[in-house]
Every structure is written in C-alpha cells, then in structure tokens.
Amino acid sequence: MKKVLILGLLLLVAQASIAQKKKKLFNGKDLTGWVIYGTEKWYVEDGLLISESGPDKGYGYLGTEENFDDFEINLQFKQEANGNSGVFIRSTVDGTKVSGWQVEVAPPGNDTGGIYESYGRGWLVKPEPEKDKALKFGEWNKMKIVVKGDNVTSYLNGVEMVNFTDAKIGEGKGGVLLQIHDGGGIKVYWRKIVLKKL
C-alpha cells in the first residue's frame, strides 16, 4: 500500500512539474503577454487569435513579451485568402524589421515548415516537396516546433517537415513572433498556442 502511495505521489509531482513548464501563450480572450509591431491587424474573436492585413499592406508581427531559449511550441492555424505567415523563434523586432528565424506558414507549394532567416541568409532549409501535402489549406493545421540548442525541428500535422542544425540559431536570443507578410489580402487564424520550456 505504501509503495502504491509513494508511486502515486511521485507521479503527481512529475505531472505538476510538466504543467509548470507548459505555458499558454494565448489565453483565448485578449492579447495579454503579446506586443503588436506594425499597423497590421491582430485581434481576438470567438476565442481565436486573428491576424489580418491592414490598409498599409505591410509586414506585421505579434511577439511575446518574454524571451524563450529551448522550448517546444504547439499551435494550430487556419489560412484564409493568401495565408502567408510564419512563426519566428528567438527573434527580435525593431519597428517592423525582424531579426531571427521563421518557420514558414504559407499557401500550398510555398514551403510551410521550412526555416527562413530574415534580413540575413534567406532560406536555410526547405521541406522535401512531397511533404507539402501535409498542409490542409483552409482547414485547421497542427504545427509543432522544437528548439533545442542549435537544432530546430518542425512538424506539420504529425509529419516532420525539417530537422536543421545551425550554430547561428544556437546563439540566437529573443521571443516567439507570429507574422503577417506584406502585400495585403492575408488572413490567418490561430488557436491553442502552448509552449513548454525544455
């Protein structure tokens, strides 16, 4: 009986420790914990975070107030219209100029899950073309990004898109950012954005 109680207590402690490491980045109500960069639209409606092009049709970002080093982030997105966006890791913004690395979120045939370095080396790695069929345009998609040291692995609807190691990413410092690409006509919905520190 004592062994069962001890095992039960250990399990509860382990679960509590995991729960403490997990952080809901989006509360489903407002933009608490986030900062808007640029003039594009970021708002909450029916429990969803919505990013939409504004009249300036420029780049826009929504960034976490907190910086994150090693982490796993899980989120869901749904694209409407152009749907060109992305999830930035260890990144910073000055005005609307971002420094960091983007895990691409884009319409079919545009390398969702690949890694792009803004204002630097450009594309670092793209998924193999046949993996593009994992994207469900106009439907909810699950994305997971694991960032540990100098390695980044991205998953789309359970499919590993890229696994990439890079010293420069390993040295990066900054937060998580969501993007609206320039050009206008973009609308992307987000939900269930949960980060776990590693």
N, C-alpha and C. Protein backbone atom coordinates (compact mmCIF):
# COMPACT_ATOMS: atom_id res chain seq x y z
N MET A 1 0.83 -1.22 0.00
CA MET A 1 0.00 0.00 0.00
C MET A 1 0.86 1.26 0.00
N LYS A 2 1.93 1.22 0.85
CA LYS A 2 2.84 2.38 0.92
C LYS A 2 3.50 2.63 -0.43
N LYS A 3 3.91 1.53 -1.09
CA LYS A 3 4.57 1.66 -2.40
C LYS A 3 3.64 2.33 -3.40
N VAL A 4 2.38 1.93 -3.37
CA VAL A 4 1.39 2.50 -4.29
C VAL A 4 1.21 3.99 -4.02
N LEU A 5 1.15 4.36 -2.73
CA LEU A 5 1.00 5.77 -2.35
C LEU A 5 2.21 6.59 -2.79
N ILE A 6 3.41 6.04 -2.56
CA ILE A 6 4.64 6.74 -2.94
C ILE A 6 4.70 6.93 -4.46
N LEU A 7 4.36 5.84 -5.20
CA LEU A 7 4.36 5.94 -6.66
C LEU A 7 3.35 6.97 -7.14
N GLY A 8 2.18 6.98 -6.49
CA GLY A 8 1.15 7.96 -6.83
C GLY A 8 1.61 9.38 -6.60
N LEU A 9 2.28 9.61 -5.47
CA LEU A 9 2.80 10.94 -5.14
C LEU A 9 3.87 11.37 -6.12
N LEU A 10 4.76 10.44 -6.48
CA LEU A 10 5.82 10.74 -7.44
C LEU A 10 5.23 11.12 -8.80
N LEU A 11 4.17 10.42 -9.19
CA LEU A 11 3.50 10.70 -10.45
C LEU A 11 2.87 12.09 -10.43
N LEU A 12 2.24 12.43 -9.32
CA LEU A 12 1.63 13.77 -9.17
C LEU A 12 2.69 14.87 -9.24
N VAL A 13 3.83 14.65 -8.60
CA VAL A 13 4.93 15.63 -8.61
C VAL A 13 5.45 15.80 -10.04
N ALA A 14 5.62 14.68 -10.75
CA ALA A 14 6.10 14.73 -12.14
C ALA A 14 5.11 15.48 -13.03
N GLN A 15 3.81 15.20 -12.84
CA GLN A 15 2.79 15.88 -13.64
C GLN A 15 2.76 17.38 -13.34
N ALA A 16 2.92 17.73 -12.06
CA ALA A 16 2.94 19.15 -11.66
C ALA A 16 4.13 19.86 -12.28
N SER A 17 5.28 19.16 -12.32
CA SER A 17 6.49 19.74 -12.89
C SER A 17 6.31 20.01 -14.38
N ILE A 18 5.69 19.05 -15.09
CA ILE A 18 5.42 19.23 -16.52
C ILE A 18 4.45 20.38 -16.73
N ALA A 19 3.41 20.44 -15.90
CA ALA A 19 2.40 21.50 -16.02
C ALA A 19 3.01 22.88 -15.81
N GLN A 20 3.98 22.96 -14.87
CA GLN A 20 4.64 24.24 -14.60
C GLN A 20 5.45 24.71 -15.80
N LYS A 21 6.02 23.78 -16.53
CA LYS A 21 6.84 24.13 -17.69
C LYS A 21 5.99 24.55 -18.88
N LYS A 22 4.73 24.08 -18.93
CA LYS A 22 3.84 24.42 -20.04
C LYS A 22 3.22 25.79 -19.81
N LYS A 23 3.16 26.59 -20.87
CA LYS A 23 2.64 27.95 -20.76
C LYS A 23 1.72 28.21 -21.94
N LYS A 24 0.47 28.59 -21.64
CA LYS A 24 -0.45 29.00 -22.70
C LYS A 24 -0.05 30.41 -23.12
N LEU A 25 0.41 30.57 -24.34
CA LEU A 25 0.82 31.90 -24.80
C LEU A 25 -0.37 32.74 -25.20
N PHE A 26 -1.47 32.08 -25.58
CA PHE A 26 -2.69 32.80 -25.96
C PHE A 26 -3.83 32.34 -25.06
N ASN A 27 -4.45 33.30 -24.36
CA ASN A 27 -5.48 32.94 -23.37
C ASN A 27 -6.89 32.82 -23.95
N GLY A 28 -7.06 33.09 -25.24
CA GLY A 28 -8.37 32.95 -25.87
C GLY A 28 -9.30 34.14 -25.66
N LYS A 29 -8.80 35.15 -24.93
CA LYS A 29 -9.65 36.31 -24.61
C LYS A 29 -9.11 37.63 -25.14
N ASP A 30 -7.78 37.81 -24.98
CA ASP A 30 -7.17 39.08 -25.40
C ASP A 30 -5.69 38.84 -25.71
N LEU A 31 -4.95 39.93 -25.93
CA LEU A 31 -3.54 39.82 -26.34
C LEU A 31 -2.57 40.01 -25.17
N THR A 32 -3.00 39.65 -23.97
CA THR A 32 -2.13 39.71 -22.80
C THR A 32 -0.87 38.88 -23.05
N GLY A 33 0.30 39.48 -22.77
CA GLY A 33 1.57 38.79 -22.95
C GLY A 33 2.19 38.97 -24.33
N TRP A 34 1.49 39.73 -25.19
CA TRP A 34 1.96 39.93 -26.56
C TRP A 34 2.15 41.42 -26.85
N VAL A 35 2.99 41.73 -27.83
CA VAL A 35 3.23 43.09 -28.29
C VAL A 35 2.99 43.14 -29.80
N ILE A 36 2.23 44.14 -30.28
CA ILE A 36 1.99 44.30 -31.72
C ILE A 36 3.08 45.19 -32.32
N TYR A 37 3.64 44.76 -33.44
CA TYR A 37 4.63 45.55 -34.19
C TYR A 37 4.05 45.84 -35.57
N GLY A 38 3.98 47.12 -35.93
CA GLY A 38 3.43 47.49 -37.23
C GLY A 38 1.96 47.86 -37.13
N THR A 39 1.35 48.11 -38.30
CA THR A 39 -0.03 48.61 -38.35
C THR A 39 -1.02 47.55 -38.84
N GLU A 40 -0.55 46.32 -39.06
CA GLU A 40 -1.49 45.27 -39.50
C GLU A 40 -2.35 44.84 -38.31
N LYS A 41 -3.42 44.11 -38.60
CA LYS A 41 -4.44 43.84 -37.57
C LYS A 41 -4.19 42.53 -36.82
N TRP A 42 -4.27 42.61 -35.50
CA TRP A 42 -4.21 41.45 -34.61
C TRP A 42 -5.35 41.61 -33.61
N TYR A 43 -6.27 40.66 -33.58
CA TYR A 43 -7.39 40.78 -32.65
C TYR A 43 -7.94 39.39 -32.28
N VAL A 44 -8.78 39.38 -31.25
CA VAL A 44 -9.37 38.13 -30.77
C VAL A 44 -10.87 38.15 -31.04
N GLU A 45 -11.36 37.04 -31.61
CA GLU A 45 -12.78 36.92 -31.91
C GLU A 45 -13.19 35.46 -31.76
N ASP A 46 -14.25 35.23 -30.99
CA ASP A 46 -14.75 33.85 -30.76
C ASP A 46 -13.66 32.91 -30.26
N GLY A 47 -12.78 33.43 -29.39
CA GLY A 47 -11.72 32.60 -28.81
C GLY A 47 -10.55 32.34 -29.72
N LEU A 48 -10.54 32.96 -30.90
CA LEU A 48 -9.44 32.76 -31.86
C LEU A 48 -8.60 34.03 -31.96
N LEU A 49 -7.31 33.85 -32.17
CA LEU A 49 -6.41 34.96 -32.46
C LEU A 49 -6.39 35.11 -33.98
N ILE A 50 -6.70 36.32 -34.45
CA ILE A 50 -6.79 36.54 -35.90
C ILE A 50 -5.76 37.57 -36.34
N SER A 51 -5.02 37.22 -37.38
CA SER A 51 -4.07 38.15 -37.99
C SER A 51 -4.58 38.46 -39.39
N GLU A 52 -4.58 39.76 -39.71
CA GLU A 52 -5.18 40.18 -40.97
C GLU A 52 -4.45 41.41 -41.51
N SER A 53 -4.27 41.45 -42.81
CA SER A 53 -3.64 42.62 -43.43
C SER A 53 -4.46 43.88 -43.17
N GLY A 54 -3.76 44.98 -42.91
CA GLY A 54 -4.41 46.27 -42.73
C GLY A 54 -4.27 47.11 -43.98
N PRO A 55 -4.68 48.38 -43.92
CA PRO A 55 -4.64 49.25 -45.10
C PRO A 55 -3.22 49.51 -45.62
N ASP A 56 -2.21 49.42 -44.75
CA ASP A 56 -0.83 49.67 -45.19
C ASP A 56 -0.24 48.50 -45.98
N LYS A 57 -0.85 47.31 -45.83
CA LYS A 57 -0.39 46.11 -46.55
C LYS A 57 1.10 45.85 -46.33
N GLY A 58 1.55 46.11 -45.12
CA GLY A 58 2.97 45.92 -44.80
C GLY A 58 3.21 44.67 -43.98
N TYR A 59 4.44 44.51 -43.54
CA TYR A 59 4.76 43.42 -42.61
C TYR A 59 4.20 43.77 -41.24
N GLY A 60 3.73 42.76 -40.53
CA GLY A 60 3.26 42.95 -39.17
C GLY A 60 3.66 41.76 -38.32
N TYR A 61 3.88 42.02 -37.04
CA TYR A 61 4.30 40.95 -36.13
C TYR A 61 3.56 41.06 -34.80
N LEU A 62 3.33 39.92 -34.19
CA LEU A 62 2.81 39.85 -32.83
C LEU A 62 3.82 39.02 -32.06
N GLY A 63 4.50 39.66 -31.10
CA GLY A 63 5.59 39.00 -30.39
C GLY A 63 5.31 38.80 -28.92
N THR A 64 5.89 37.76 -28.35
CA THR A 64 5.76 37.52 -26.90
C THR A 64 6.59 38.55 -26.15
N GLU A 65 6.08 38.97 -24.99
CA GLU A 65 6.85 39.87 -24.13
C GLU A 65 8.07 39.15 -23.56
N GLU A 66 7.95 37.85 -23.41
CA GLU A 66 9.01 37.03 -22.81
C GLU A 66 9.89 36.40 -23.89
N ASN A 67 11.17 36.26 -23.60
CA ASN A 67 12.09 35.55 -24.48
C ASN A 67 12.13 34.07 -24.10
N PHE A 68 12.39 33.22 -25.08
CA PHE A 68 12.46 31.78 -24.84
C PHE A 68 13.68 31.20 -25.54
N ASP A 69 14.44 30.38 -24.82
CA ASP A 69 15.64 29.75 -25.38
C ASP A 69 15.31 28.38 -25.97
N ASP A 70 15.30 27.35 -25.11
CA ASP A 70 14.97 26.00 -25.57
C ASP A 70 13.50 25.72 -25.24
N PHE A 71 12.74 25.28 -26.24
CA PHE A 71 11.32 25.07 -26.00
C PHE A 71 10.70 24.20 -27.08
N GLU A 72 9.49 23.73 -26.77
CA GLU A 72 8.63 23.08 -27.75
C GLU A 72 7.35 23.90 -27.79
N ILE A 73 6.93 24.33 -28.96
CA ILE A 73 5.69 25.07 -29.10
C ILE A 73 4.73 24.29 -29.98
N ASN A 74 3.49 24.19 -29.52
CA ASN A 74 2.42 23.55 -30.28
C ASN A 74 1.35 24.60 -30.53
N LEU A 75 0.86 24.66 -31.74
CA LEU A 75 -0.20 25.62 -32.05
C LEU A 75 -1.02 25.10 -33.22
N GLN A 76 -2.15 25.75 -33.45
CA GLN A 76 -2.98 25.43 -34.59
C GLN A 76 -3.22 26.69 -35.40
N PHE A 77 -3.24 26.55 -36.73
CA PHE A 77 -3.50 27.70 -37.60
C PHE A 77 -4.43 27.28 -38.73
N LYS A 78 -5.17 28.27 -39.21
CA LYS A 78 -6.04 28.07 -40.38
C LYS A 78 -5.87 29.28 -41.29
N GLN A 79 -5.60 29.02 -42.56
CA GLN A 79 -5.32 30.08 -43.53
C GLN A 79 -6.56 30.42 -44.35
N GLU A 80 -6.72 31.71 -44.57
CA GLU A 80 -7.78 32.20 -45.45
C GLU A 80 -7.12 33.16 -46.42
N ALA A 81 -7.64 33.29 -47.61
CA ALA A 81 -7.04 34.18 -48.62
C ALA A 81 -5.60 33.73 -48.86
N ASN A 82 -4.64 34.66 -48.88
CA ASN A 82 -3.25 34.34 -49.18
C ASN A 82 -2.64 33.45 -48.10
N GLY A 83 -2.85 33.81 -46.84
CA GLY A 83 -2.39 32.96 -45.74
C GLY A 83 -0.89 32.91 -45.52
N ASN A 84 -0.13 33.88 -46.07
CA ASN A 84 1.32 33.86 -45.92
C ASN A 84 1.72 34.44 -44.57
N SER A 85 2.32 33.58 -43.73
CA SER A 85 2.64 33.97 -42.36
C SER A 85 3.84 33.17 -41.89
N GLY A 86 4.02 33.09 -40.58
CA GLY A 86 5.12 32.31 -40.05
C GLY A 86 5.21 32.43 -38.55
N VAL A 87 5.99 31.52 -37.96
CA VAL A 87 6.26 31.52 -36.52
C VAL A 87 7.76 31.74 -36.36
N PHE A 88 8.12 32.87 -35.75
CA PHE A 88 9.53 33.19 -35.53
C PHE A 88 9.99 32.68 -34.17
N ILE A 89 11.24 32.23 -34.12
CA ILE A 89 11.84 31.73 -32.88
C ILE A 89 13.07 32.58 -32.53
N ARG A 90 13.30 32.77 -31.24
CA ARG A 90 14.48 33.52 -30.76
C ARG A 90 14.70 34.79 -31.59
N SER A 91 13.65 35.56 -31.73
CA SER A 91 13.69 36.70 -32.65
C SER A 91 13.35 38.01 -31.95
N THR A 92 13.84 39.12 -32.53
CA THR A 92 13.57 40.46 -32.01
C THR A 92 13.06 41.33 -33.16
N VAL A 93 12.37 42.42 -32.80
CA VAL A 93 11.82 43.33 -33.80
C VAL A 93 12.19 44.76 -33.47
N ASP A 94 12.56 45.51 -34.51
CA ASP A 94 12.80 46.95 -34.40
C ASP A 94 11.90 47.61 -35.44
N GLY A 95 10.82 48.25 -34.98
CA GLY A 95 9.82 48.77 -35.92
C GLY A 95 9.06 47.59 -36.52
N THR A 96 9.33 47.32 -37.80
CA THR A 96 8.82 46.08 -38.40
C THR A 96 9.96 45.30 -39.06
N LYS A 97 11.18 45.59 -38.64
CA LYS A 97 12.33 44.83 -39.13
C LYS A 97 12.67 43.77 -38.10
N VAL A 98 12.52 42.52 -38.51
CA VAL A 98 12.72 41.41 -37.60
C VAL A 98 14.10 40.80 -37.78
N SER A 99 14.70 40.40 -36.67
CA SER A 99 15.97 39.68 -36.71
C SER A 99 15.74 38.31 -36.09
N GLY A 100 15.90 37.27 -36.89
CA GLY A 100 15.69 35.93 -36.37
C GLY A 100 15.30 34.95 -37.44
N TRP A 101 14.62 33.88 -37.00
CA TRP A 101 14.36 32.74 -37.87
C TRP A 101 12.88 32.40 -37.87
N GLN A 102 12.35 32.21 -39.06
CA GLN A 102 10.94 31.94 -39.25
C GLN A 102 10.72 30.50 -39.69
N VAL A 103 9.78 29.85 -39.01
CA VAL A 103 9.27 28.58 -39.51
C VAL A 103 8.06 28.95 -40.35
N GLU A 104 8.15 28.70 -41.63
CA GLU A 104 7.19 29.21 -42.61
C GLU A 104 5.79 28.64 -42.43
N VAL A 105 4.80 29.52 -42.58
CA VAL A 105 3.39 29.15 -42.71
C VAL A 105 2.93 29.84 -43.99
N ALA A 106 2.58 29.06 -45.01
CA ALA A 106 2.31 29.66 -46.33
C ALA A 106 1.30 28.81 -47.09
N PRO A 107 0.75 29.35 -48.18
CA PRO A 107 -0.17 28.57 -49.02
C PRO A 107 0.53 27.35 -49.62
N PRO A 108 -0.24 26.40 -50.14
CA PRO A 108 0.35 25.19 -50.75
C PRO A 108 1.44 25.53 -51.77
N GLY A 109 2.50 24.72 -51.74
CA GLY A 109 3.60 24.90 -52.68
C GLY A 109 4.60 25.97 -52.29
N ASN A 110 4.48 26.49 -51.04
CA ASN A 110 5.36 27.57 -50.62
C ASN A 110 6.14 27.24 -49.34
N ASP A 111 6.44 25.96 -49.15
CA ASP A 111 7.43 25.51 -48.16
C ASP A 111 7.05 25.71 -46.69
N THR A 112 5.77 25.50 -46.35
CA THR A 112 5.37 25.52 -44.94
C THR A 112 6.22 24.52 -44.16
N GLY A 113 6.73 24.99 -43.01
CA GLY A 113 7.59 24.15 -42.18
C GLY A 113 9.07 24.37 -42.41
N GLY A 114 9.43 25.06 -43.51
CA GLY A 114 10.83 25.38 -43.77
C GLY A 114 11.32 26.51 -42.87
N ILE A 115 12.62 26.72 -42.85
CA ILE A 115 13.22 27.75 -41.99
C ILE A 115 13.89 28.84 -42.83
N TYR A 116 13.48 30.08 -42.55
CA TYR A 116 13.96 31.24 -43.29
C TYR A 116 14.58 32.24 -42.32
N GLU A 117 15.77 32.74 -42.66
CA GLU A 117 16.42 33.75 -41.82
C GLU A 117 16.16 35.13 -42.44
N SER A 118 15.42 35.96 -41.70
CA SER A 118 15.07 37.29 -42.21
C SER A 118 16.25 38.25 -42.16
N TYR A 119 16.36 39.07 -43.19
CA TYR A 119 17.42 40.08 -43.29
C TYR A 119 18.79 39.45 -43.03
N GLY A 120 18.97 38.24 -43.55
CA GLY A 120 20.24 37.54 -43.37
C GLY A 120 20.47 36.60 -44.54
N ARG A 121 20.54 35.31 -44.25
CA ARG A 121 20.89 34.31 -45.27
C ARG A 121 19.71 33.83 -46.10
N GLY A 122 18.49 34.28 -45.76
CA GLY A 122 17.32 33.81 -46.52
C GLY A 122 16.97 32.38 -46.16
N TRP A 123 16.54 31.60 -47.15
CA TRP A 123 16.15 30.22 -46.88
C TRP A 123 17.34 29.40 -46.39
N LEU A 124 17.17 28.75 -45.25
CA LEU A 124 18.20 27.86 -44.71
C LEU A 124 17.90 26.41 -45.06
N VAL A 125 16.61 26.06 -45.01
CA VAL A 125 16.22 24.70 -45.36
C VAL A 125 14.73 24.70 -45.72
N LYS A 126 14.40 23.96 -46.77
CA LYS A 126 13.01 23.80 -47.19
C LYS A 126 12.62 22.32 -47.06
N PRO A 127 11.35 22.05 -46.78
CA PRO A 127 10.93 20.64 -46.73
C PRO A 127 10.99 20.02 -48.11
N GLU A 128 11.09 18.70 -48.15
CA GLU A 128 11.01 18.00 -49.43
C GLU A 128 9.62 18.27 -50.03
N PRO A 129 9.54 18.51 -51.35
CA PRO A 129 8.28 18.93 -51.98
C PRO A 129 7.08 18.03 -51.68
N GLU A 130 7.32 16.70 -51.58
CA GLU A 130 6.18 15.79 -51.35
C GLU A 130 5.55 15.97 -49.97
N LYS A 131 6.29 16.59 -49.05
CA LYS A 131 5.75 16.81 -47.69
C LYS A 131 4.69 17.92 -47.67
N ASP A 132 4.61 18.69 -48.76
CA ASP A 132 3.66 19.79 -48.82
C ASP A 132 2.21 19.31 -48.71
N LYS A 133 1.98 18.03 -49.04
CA LYS A 133 0.61 17.51 -48.97
C LYS A 133 0.12 17.39 -47.53
N ALA A 134 1.01 17.55 -46.55
CA ALA A 134 0.59 17.54 -45.14
C ALA A 134 -0.24 18.78 -44.80
N LEU A 135 -0.07 19.86 -45.58
CA LEU A 135 -0.80 21.11 -45.32
C LEU A 135 -2.24 21.00 -45.78
N LYS A 136 -3.17 21.41 -44.89
CA LYS A 136 -4.60 21.40 -45.22
C LYS A 136 -5.05 22.86 -45.33
N PHE A 137 -4.97 23.40 -46.53
CA PHE A 137 -5.29 24.82 -46.73
C PHE A 137 -6.79 25.05 -46.49
N GLY A 138 -7.09 26.10 -45.71
CA GLY A 138 -8.48 26.42 -45.40
C GLY A 138 -9.05 25.61 -44.25
N GLU A 139 -8.24 24.70 -43.68
CA GLU A 139 -8.65 23.90 -42.53
C GLU A 139 -7.66 24.13 -41.40
N TRP A 140 -8.01 23.61 -40.21
CA TRP A 140 -7.08 23.74 -39.08
C TRP A 140 -5.90 22.80 -39.26
N ASN A 141 -4.71 23.32 -39.03
CA ASN A 141 -3.46 22.57 -39.10
C ASN A 141 -2.76 22.62 -37.74
N LYS A 142 -2.11 21.52 -37.39
CA LYS A 142 -1.32 21.48 -36.14
C LYS A 142 0.15 21.62 -36.49
N MET A 143 0.80 22.58 -35.84
CA MET A 143 2.24 22.75 -36.03
C MET A 143 2.95 22.58 -34.69
N LYS A 144 4.06 21.87 -34.75
CA LYS A 144 4.93 21.73 -33.56
C LYS A 144 6.34 22.12 -33.98
N ILE A 145 6.97 22.94 -33.14
CA ILE A 145 8.36 23.36 -33.39
C ILE A 145 9.15 23.06 -32.12
N VAL A 146 10.24 22.33 -32.28
CA VAL A 146 11.12 22.02 -31.15
C VAL A 146 12.46 22.73 -31.37
N VAL A 147 12.81 23.58 -30.42
CA VAL A 147 14.04 24.37 -30.50
C VAL A 147 14.92 23.97 -29.32
N LYS A 148 16.07 23.38 -29.61
CA LYS A 148 16.97 22.94 -28.53
C LYS A 148 18.40 23.17 -28.96
N GLY A 149 19.08 24.08 -28.25
CA GLY A 149 20.46 24.40 -28.62
C GLY A 149 20.49 24.97 -30.03
N ASP A 150 21.27 24.34 -30.90
CA ASP A 150 21.39 24.83 -32.28
C ASP A 150 20.51 24.05 -33.25
N ASN A 151 19.56 23.26 -32.72
CA ASN A 151 18.71 22.43 -33.57
C ASN A 151 17.25 22.88 -33.54
N VAL A 152 16.63 22.89 -34.72
CA VAL A 152 15.20 23.19 -34.85
C VAL A 152 14.56 22.08 -35.67
N THR A 153 13.46 21.53 -35.14
CA THR A 153 12.70 20.53 -35.88
C THR A 153 11.26 21.02 -35.96
N SER A 154 10.70 20.99 -37.16
CA SER A 154 9.31 21.42 -37.35
C SER A 154 8.46 20.25 -37.81
N TYR A 155 7.21 20.24 -37.33
CA TYR A 155 6.24 19.20 -37.68
C TYR A 155 4.95 19.87 -38.12
N LEU A 156 4.31 19.32 -39.13
CA LEU A 156 3.02 19.80 -39.61
C LEU A 156 2.06 18.62 -39.67
N ASN A 157 1.01 18.70 -38.85
CA ASN A 157 0.01 17.62 -38.78
C ASN A 157 0.67 16.26 -38.60
N GLY A 158 1.68 16.22 -37.72
CA GLY A 158 2.34 14.97 -37.37
C GLY A 158 3.47 14.55 -38.31
N VAL A 159 3.68 15.29 -39.38
CA VAL A 159 4.75 14.98 -40.35
C VAL A 159 5.96 15.85 -40.04
N GLU A 160 7.14 15.22 -39.87
CA GLU A 160 8.36 16.01 -39.68
C GLU A 160 8.69 16.71 -40.99
N MET A 161 8.74 18.03 -40.94
CA MET A 161 9.00 18.81 -42.16
C MET A 161 10.50 19.03 -42.37
N VAL A 162 11.17 19.56 -41.35
CA VAL A 162 12.63 19.74 -41.43
C VAL A 162 13.26 19.49 -40.06
N ASN A 163 14.51 19.07 -40.10
CA ASN A 163 15.33 18.93 -38.89
C ASN A 163 16.66 19.59 -39.24
N PHE A 164 16.94 20.73 -38.61
CA PHE A 164 18.05 21.57 -39.07
C PHE A 164 18.91 22.02 -37.90
N THR A 165 20.22 21.94 -38.09
CA THR A 165 21.17 22.36 -37.05
C THR A 165 22.02 23.50 -37.59
N ASP A 166 22.15 24.56 -36.79
CA ASP A 166 22.84 25.76 -37.25
C ASP A 166 23.41 26.53 -36.06
N ALA A 167 24.69 26.81 -36.10
CA ALA A 167 25.37 27.48 -34.97
C ALA A 167 24.78 28.86 -34.68
N LYS A 168 24.43 29.59 -35.73
CA LYS A 168 23.89 30.94 -35.55
C LYS A 168 22.56 30.92 -34.80
N ILE A 169 21.70 29.95 -35.13
CA ILE A 169 20.43 29.79 -34.40
C ILE A 169 20.73 29.46 -32.94
N GLY A 170 21.74 28.64 -32.72
CA GLY A 170 22.13 28.27 -31.36
C GLY A 170 22.51 29.46 -30.50
N GLU A 171 23.02 30.51 -31.15
CA GLU A 171 23.43 31.72 -30.42
C GLU A 171 22.29 32.74 -30.29
N GLY A 172 21.16 32.47 -30.96
CA GLY A 172 20.06 33.43 -31.00
C GLY A 172 19.38 33.65 -29.67
N LYS A 173 18.91 34.88 -29.46
CA LYS A 173 18.15 35.25 -28.26
C LYS A 173 16.93 36.06 -28.69
N GLY A 174 15.80 35.77 -28.09
CA GLY A 174 14.60 36.55 -28.40
C GLY A 174 13.33 35.78 -28.10
N GLY A 175 12.22 36.31 -28.60
CA GLY A 175 10.92 35.74 -28.32
C GLY A 175 10.34 34.97 -29.48
N VAL A 176 9.07 34.60 -29.30
CA VAL A 176 8.28 33.95 -30.35
C VAL A 176 7.44 35.04 -31.01
N LEU A 177 7.41 35.04 -32.34
CA LEU A 177 6.63 36.04 -33.07
C LEU A 177 5.76 35.35 -34.11
N LEU A 178 4.56 35.88 -34.31
CA LEU A 178 3.73 35.49 -35.43
C LEU A 178 3.81 36.60 -36.46
N GLN A 179 3.72 36.25 -37.74
CA GLN A 179 3.93 37.24 -38.80
C GLN A 179 2.72 37.39 -39.72
N ILE A 180 2.53 38.62 -40.21
CA ILE A 180 1.72 38.86 -41.41
C ILE A 180 2.70 39.31 -42.48
N HIS A 181 2.71 38.62 -43.60
CA HIS A 181 3.59 39.00 -44.72
C HIS A 181 3.04 40.28 -45.37
N ASP A 182 3.92 41.01 -46.05
CA ASP A 182 3.44 42.21 -46.75
C ASP A 182 2.69 41.83 -48.03
N GLY A 183 2.05 42.80 -48.64
CA GLY A 183 1.34 42.56 -49.90
C GLY A 183 -0.16 42.63 -49.79
N GLY A 184 -0.69 42.50 -48.56
CA GLY A 184 -2.14 42.60 -48.37
C GLY A 184 -2.89 41.32 -48.66
N GLY A 185 -4.17 41.31 -48.30
CA GLY A 185 -5.04 40.17 -48.59
C GLY A 185 -4.77 38.92 -47.78
N ILE A 186 -4.10 39.07 -46.63
CA ILE A 186 -3.72 37.91 -45.83
C ILE A 186 -4.61 37.81 -44.59
N LYS A 187 -5.05 36.60 -44.29
CA LYS A 187 -5.81 36.36 -43.07
C LYS A 187 -5.49 34.96 -42.56
N VAL A 188 -5.04 34.90 -41.31
CA VAL A 188 -4.70 33.62 -40.69
C VAL A 188 -5.29 33.59 -39.28
N TYR A 189 -5.91 32.46 -38.94
CA TYR A 189 -6.47 32.24 -37.60
C TYR A 189 -5.50 31.36 -36.81
N TRP A 190 -5.40 31.64 -35.50
CA TRP A 190 -4.52 30.89 -34.61
C TRP A 190 -5.29 30.47 -33.36
N ARG A 191 -4.92 29.34 -32.78
CA ARG A 191 -5.51 28.92 -31.51
C ARG A 191 -4.59 27.91 -30.84
N LYS A 192 -4.87 27.63 -29.57
CA LYS A 192 -4.17 26.60 -28.78
C LYS A 192 -2.65 26.74 -28.90
N ILE A 193 -2.15 27.94 -28.58
CA ILE A 193 -0.71 28.20 -28.66
C ILE A 193 -0.10 27.90 -27.29
N VAL A 194 0.57 26.78 -27.18
CA VAL A 194 1.11 26.31 -25.90
C VAL A 194 2.61 26.06 -26.04
N LEU A 195 3.37 26.65 -25.13
CA LEU A 195 4.84 26.49 -25.14
C LEU A 195 5.30 25.74 -23.90
N LYS A 196 6.23 24.83 -24.11
CA LYS A 196 6.82 24.09 -23.00
C LYS A 196 8.33 24.35 -23.02
N LYS A 197 8.84 24.89 -21.92
CA LYS A 197 10.29 25.11 -21.83
C LYS A 197 11.00 23.78 -21.66
N LEU A 198 12.13 23.65 -22.34
CA LEU A 198 12.91 22.40 -22.29
C LEU A 198 14.18 22.60 -21.46
